[in-house]
Protein backbone atom coordinates (compact mmCIF):
# COMPACT_ATOMS: atom_id res chain seq x y z
CA MET A 1 -73.81 -146.83 -30.47
CA SER A 2 -72.84 -144.23 -28.15
CA LEU A 3 -69.98 -144.17 -25.69
CA LEU A 4 -72.06 -144.71 -22.60
CA SER A 5 -73.68 -147.87 -24.01
CA VAL A 6 -70.29 -149.31 -25.03
CA VAL A 7 -68.86 -148.88 -21.73
CA VAL A 8 -71.99 -150.28 -20.26
CA ALA A 9 -71.96 -153.37 -22.63
CA GLY A 10 -68.15 -153.46 -21.59
CA ALA A 11 -67.48 -153.68 -25.53
CA TRP A 12 -63.99 -151.89 -24.92
CA ALA A 13 -63.09 -153.26 -21.83
CA GLN A 14 -59.91 -155.25 -21.35
CA GLY A 15 -60.84 -155.79 -17.80
CA PRO A 16 -62.85 -154.18 -15.23
CA ASP A 17 -60.74 -151.31 -14.74
CA SER A 18 -59.79 -150.36 -18.34
CA LEU A 19 -59.22 -146.70 -19.08
CA GLU A 20 -62.03 -146.78 -21.52
CA THR A 21 -64.43 -147.93 -18.87
CA ALA A 22 -63.05 -145.66 -16.28
CA PHE A 23 -63.56 -142.80 -18.82
CA GLY A 24 -66.91 -143.66 -19.66
CA ARG A 25 -67.91 -143.62 -15.90
CA ARG A 26 -66.29 -140.29 -15.28
CA LEU A 27 -67.99 -138.82 -18.23
CA GLU A 28 -71.62 -140.17 -17.03
CA ALA A 29 -70.94 -138.98 -13.64
CA GLY A 30 -69.75 -135.66 -14.66
CA LYS A 31 -72.70 -135.02 -16.93
CA GLY A 32 -75.03 -136.03 -14.16
CA ARG A 33 -73.37 -133.30 -12.03
CA PHE A 34 -73.29 -130.91 -14.46
CA ASP A 35 -76.94 -131.57 -15.20
CA SER A 36 -77.71 -131.13 -11.24
CA ALA A 37 -75.86 -128.19 -10.87
CA VAL A 38 -77.26 -126.25 -13.56
CA ALA A 39 -80.81 -127.34 -12.45
CA GLY A 40 -79.69 -125.69 -9.07
CA ALA A 41 -78.36 -122.55 -10.43
CA ARG A 42 -80.45 -119.55 -9.24
CA THR A 43 -81.63 -116.96 -11.20
CA VAL A 44 -82.39 -113.34 -9.46
CA SER A 45 -83.47 -110.01 -10.58
CA LEU A 46 -80.90 -107.84 -11.08
CA GLU A 47 -81.90 -104.33 -9.61
CA GLY A 48 -79.59 -101.78 -10.91
CA GLY A 49 -78.05 -104.26 -12.85
CA TRP A 50 -77.42 -104.59 -16.74
CA PRO A 51 -79.46 -102.10 -18.43
CA VAL A 52 -81.66 -103.44 -21.13
CA ALA A 53 -83.65 -101.48 -24.05
CA GLY A 54 -86.78 -99.83 -22.75
CA GLY A 55 -85.43 -99.73 -19.26
CA GLY A 56 -85.38 -102.14 -16.41
CA GLY A 57 -82.90 -104.71 -15.65
CA GLU A 58 -82.10 -108.27 -16.63
CA ARG A 59 -81.96 -111.34 -14.59
CA GLY A 60 -78.62 -112.86 -13.67
CA VAL A 61 -76.99 -116.12 -12.12
CA PRO A 62 -75.16 -115.55 -8.80
CA LEU A 63 -71.42 -115.95 -9.43
CA GLU A 64 -71.29 -118.79 -6.68
CA ASP A 65 -73.80 -120.67 -8.62
CA PHE A 66 -72.17 -119.94 -12.04
CA ARG A 67 -68.61 -121.38 -10.51
CA ARG A 68 -70.38 -124.37 -8.94
CA VAL A 69 -71.58 -125.36 -12.35
CA LEU A 70 -67.80 -125.19 -13.69
CA GLU A 71 -66.34 -126.87 -10.96
CA ALA A 72 -68.89 -129.93 -10.91
CA VAL A 73 -67.21 -130.59 -14.78
CA GLY A 74 -64.07 -130.51 -13.47
CA ALA A 75 -64.65 -132.48 -10.11
CA GLU A 76 -65.22 -135.79 -12.22
CA LEU A 77 -63.29 -135.11 -15.47
CA ASN A 78 -60.00 -133.81 -14.14
CA PRO A 79 -58.72 -136.87 -12.26
CA ILE A 80 -58.91 -139.24 -15.23
CA LEU A 81 -57.69 -136.40 -17.75
CA THR A 82 -54.71 -136.39 -15.77
CA LYS A 83 -53.67 -140.03 -17.40
CA PRO A 84 -50.81 -139.33 -20.15
CA GLU A 85 -52.65 -141.47 -22.78
CA LEU A 86 -55.63 -139.04 -22.12
CA ALA A 87 -53.66 -135.60 -23.00
CA GLY A 88 -55.43 -135.23 -26.29
CA MET A 89 -58.64 -135.50 -24.62
CA ARG A 90 -57.71 -133.11 -21.83
CA ALA A 91 -56.58 -130.65 -24.52
CA TYR A 92 -60.20 -131.21 -26.21
CA VAL A 93 -62.05 -130.40 -22.92
CA GLN A 94 -59.77 -127.53 -22.02
CA ARG A 95 -60.66 -126.19 -25.34
CA GLY A 96 -64.27 -126.50 -24.72
CA LEU A 97 -63.95 -124.76 -21.47
CA ALA A 98 -61.78 -122.02 -22.82
CA GLY A 99 -63.09 -118.46 -23.53
CA MET A 100 -65.70 -118.92 -20.48
CA GLU A 101 -64.90 -115.89 -19.20
CA VAL A 102 -67.98 -113.69 -18.20
CA GLU A 103 -68.85 -109.92 -17.12
CA THR A 104 -69.91 -109.93 -13.32
CA ARG A 105 -71.72 -107.31 -11.47
CA ASN A 106 -72.12 -106.39 -8.06
CA THR A 107 -75.77 -106.50 -7.08
CA SER A 108 -77.84 -106.84 -3.78
CA TRP A 109 -77.29 -110.52 -4.48
CA GLY A 110 -73.64 -110.28 -4.59
CA PRO A 111 -71.71 -110.80 -7.84
CA CYS A 112 -73.76 -112.17 -10.60
CA VAL A 113 -73.27 -113.10 -14.32
CA ARG A 114 -75.67 -112.01 -16.81
CA GLU A 115 -78.37 -114.85 -16.98
CA ARG A 116 -78.28 -115.10 -20.87
CA ASP A 117 -74.29 -115.26 -20.75
CA ALA A 118 -74.56 -118.00 -18.17
CA ARG A 119 -77.00 -119.95 -20.39
CA LYS A 120 -74.61 -119.81 -23.16
CA VAL A 121 -71.73 -121.40 -21.39
CA PHE A 122 -73.87 -124.13 -19.89
CA GLU A 123 -75.18 -125.05 -23.45
CA SER A 124 -71.71 -124.85 -24.87
CA ILE A 125 -70.45 -127.33 -22.04
CA ASN A 126 -73.63 -129.35 -22.50
CA GLN A 127 -72.91 -129.64 -26.34
CA MET A 128 -69.45 -131.00 -25.33
CA PHE A 129 -70.87 -133.60 -23.27
CA ASN A 130 -73.35 -134.64 -26.05
CA ARG A 131 -70.63 -135.21 -28.65
CA LEU A 132 -68.13 -137.14 -26.17
CA GLN A 133 -71.44 -139.43 -25.02
CA LYS A 134 -71.87 -139.98 -28.82
CA LEU A 135 -68.42 -141.13 -29.65
CA ASP A 136 -68.42 -144.88 -30.60
CA LYS A 137 -65.21 -145.57 -29.30
CA LEU A 138 -62.54 -143.66 -27.49
CA LYS A 139 -59.16 -145.20 -29.64
CA ILE A 140 -58.51 -145.17 -33.18
CA ASP A 141 -55.95 -146.37 -35.48
CA LEU A 142 -54.63 -143.12 -37.38
CA ALA A 143 -53.24 -143.70 -40.58
CA VAL A 144 -50.63 -141.48 -41.73
CA ILE A 145 -49.90 -141.29 -45.53
CA THR A 146 -47.73 -138.71 -47.06
CA GLU A 147 -46.75 -138.04 -50.74
CA PRO A 148 -43.76 -138.71 -50.96
CA PRO A 149 -43.28 -141.22 -48.26
CA GLU A 150 -40.66 -141.93 -46.06
CA ALA A 151 -41.20 -138.67 -43.92
CA LYS A 152 -40.73 -138.18 -40.33
CA VAL A 153 -44.05 -137.71 -38.58
CA GLN A 154 -44.87 -136.47 -34.93
CA ILE A 155 -48.15 -136.32 -33.35
CA VAL A 156 -48.50 -134.63 -29.91
CA ALA A 157 -51.51 -133.32 -27.81
CA LEU A 158 -52.25 -129.94 -28.19
CA GLY A 159 -50.77 -128.22 -25.18
CA GLY A 160 -47.92 -130.85 -24.83
CA GLY A 161 -47.61 -134.65 -23.72
CA ILE A 162 -45.57 -137.60 -25.04
CA PRO A 163 -45.08 -137.33 -28.53
CA THR A 164 -45.71 -140.36 -30.93
CA ILE A 165 -42.87 -140.28 -33.81
CA THR A 166 -43.14 -142.54 -37.07
CA THR A 167 -42.20 -142.56 -40.52
CA SER A 168 -44.91 -142.57 -43.19
CA ASN A 169 -46.52 -144.36 -44.36
CA ALA A 170 -47.73 -145.91 -41.12
CA THR A 171 -50.37 -146.20 -38.82
CA ILE A 172 -50.33 -145.28 -35.35
CA THR A 173 -52.56 -147.66 -33.24
CA ASN A 174 -54.53 -147.15 -30.42
CA LEU A 175 -54.62 -143.45 -30.32
CA TYR A 176 -56.81 -141.75 -27.93
CA ARG A 177 -59.36 -139.31 -29.36
CA GLY A 178 -58.59 -135.60 -28.53
CA ILE A 179 -56.93 -132.49 -30.08
CA TYR A 180 -53.52 -133.14 -31.47
CA THR A 181 -50.75 -131.19 -33.46
CA TYR A 182 -48.78 -132.89 -36.25
CA ARG A 183 -45.60 -132.41 -37.92
CA VAL A 184 -44.38 -133.76 -40.99
CA GLU A 185 -40.88 -133.35 -42.09
CA LYS A 186 -38.66 -134.40 -44.93
CA ALA A 187 -35.16 -133.35 -46.37
CA GLY A 188 -35.84 -131.32 -49.25
CA TYR A 189 -39.43 -130.47 -48.47
CA ARG A 190 -41.03 -127.85 -46.72
CA MET A 191 -42.44 -128.78 -42.98
CA VAL A 192 -46.01 -129.26 -42.50
CA GLU A 193 -47.65 -128.81 -39.21
CA GLY A 194 -51.08 -128.17 -37.69
CA PRO A 195 -54.07 -129.17 -35.43
CA VAL A 196 -56.13 -132.29 -35.85
CA ASN A 197 -59.29 -132.63 -34.13
CA LEU A 198 -60.07 -136.32 -33.51
CA VAL A 199 -63.33 -136.03 -31.73
CA ASP A 200 -65.39 -133.42 -33.84
CA GLU A 201 -63.75 -134.34 -37.19
CA ARG A 202 -64.38 -137.44 -39.12
CA GLY A 203 -61.70 -139.69 -40.49
CA THR A 204 -58.99 -142.26 -39.41
CA LYS A 205 -56.21 -141.14 -42.39
CA LEU A 206 -54.23 -138.14 -42.16
CA ASN A 207 -53.20 -137.77 -45.71
CA CYS A 208 -50.47 -135.28 -46.32
CA ARG A 209 -48.71 -133.81 -49.53
CA LEU A 210 -45.44 -132.21 -49.37
CA ALA A 211 -43.90 -129.62 -51.47
CA GLY A 212 -40.33 -129.34 -52.28
CA LEU A 213 -38.24 -126.39 -51.06
CA ALA A 214 -37.53 -125.35 -54.55
CA ASP A 215 -41.08 -125.70 -55.57
CA ALA A 216 -42.09 -121.99 -55.05
CA GLY A 217 -45.81 -122.66 -56.23
CA GLY A 218 -46.12 -125.85 -54.38
CA SER A 219 -48.73 -126.19 -51.77
CA ALA A 220 -48.08 -128.48 -48.53
CA HIS A 221 -50.80 -129.67 -46.71
CA CYS A 222 -52.31 -132.14 -44.62
CA ARG A 223 -56.15 -133.33 -44.31
CA LEU A 224 -57.83 -136.05 -42.16
CA GLN A 225 -60.35 -138.26 -44.25
CA GLU A 226 -62.09 -141.25 -43.89
């Protein structure tokens, strides 16, 4: 069952204005605006633009049309992603839009983006929307299990946010999906830290094995498991 179908059915809603429902509506509206902007993006012949093998030139997308597509995504999602609870989801969306810098050329149509580069960006954003729409729920209960137990565990959204701090073994309830960083510390053991993606990766258990400071060959790591 997809995120949107659950939202429509009201299965997550604690009430008509629950954050899960609001996010689902924003996601649906954002995908609609994105699709419309992509459909409306013009392609033009780049006379004197980028050369291709065999001579001639390529087609491009006017920079204003390219920007209009990206702005369509932010217009719907940015307002809801300012919620502190969605800091991890904000990090996920921002990562999905990262690396979207493209080369532009001045043409008779004005600044343009190479069409094939623009289409790659549009497809990447489309895949991000598809992954989010397929989520069966927006919140999970994340179990943090360490060997040995009684370790201090901190989970915080990638890029910053309000950290959740607990002592293992424990379960962090109602954690919104997104990208987080974890830090696991225990006296006499090496600290373990790293990212965890709660959208693309499956699993609700963060299992961590600690290595003692005196254990030169010990391996300390955490893995997200089902």
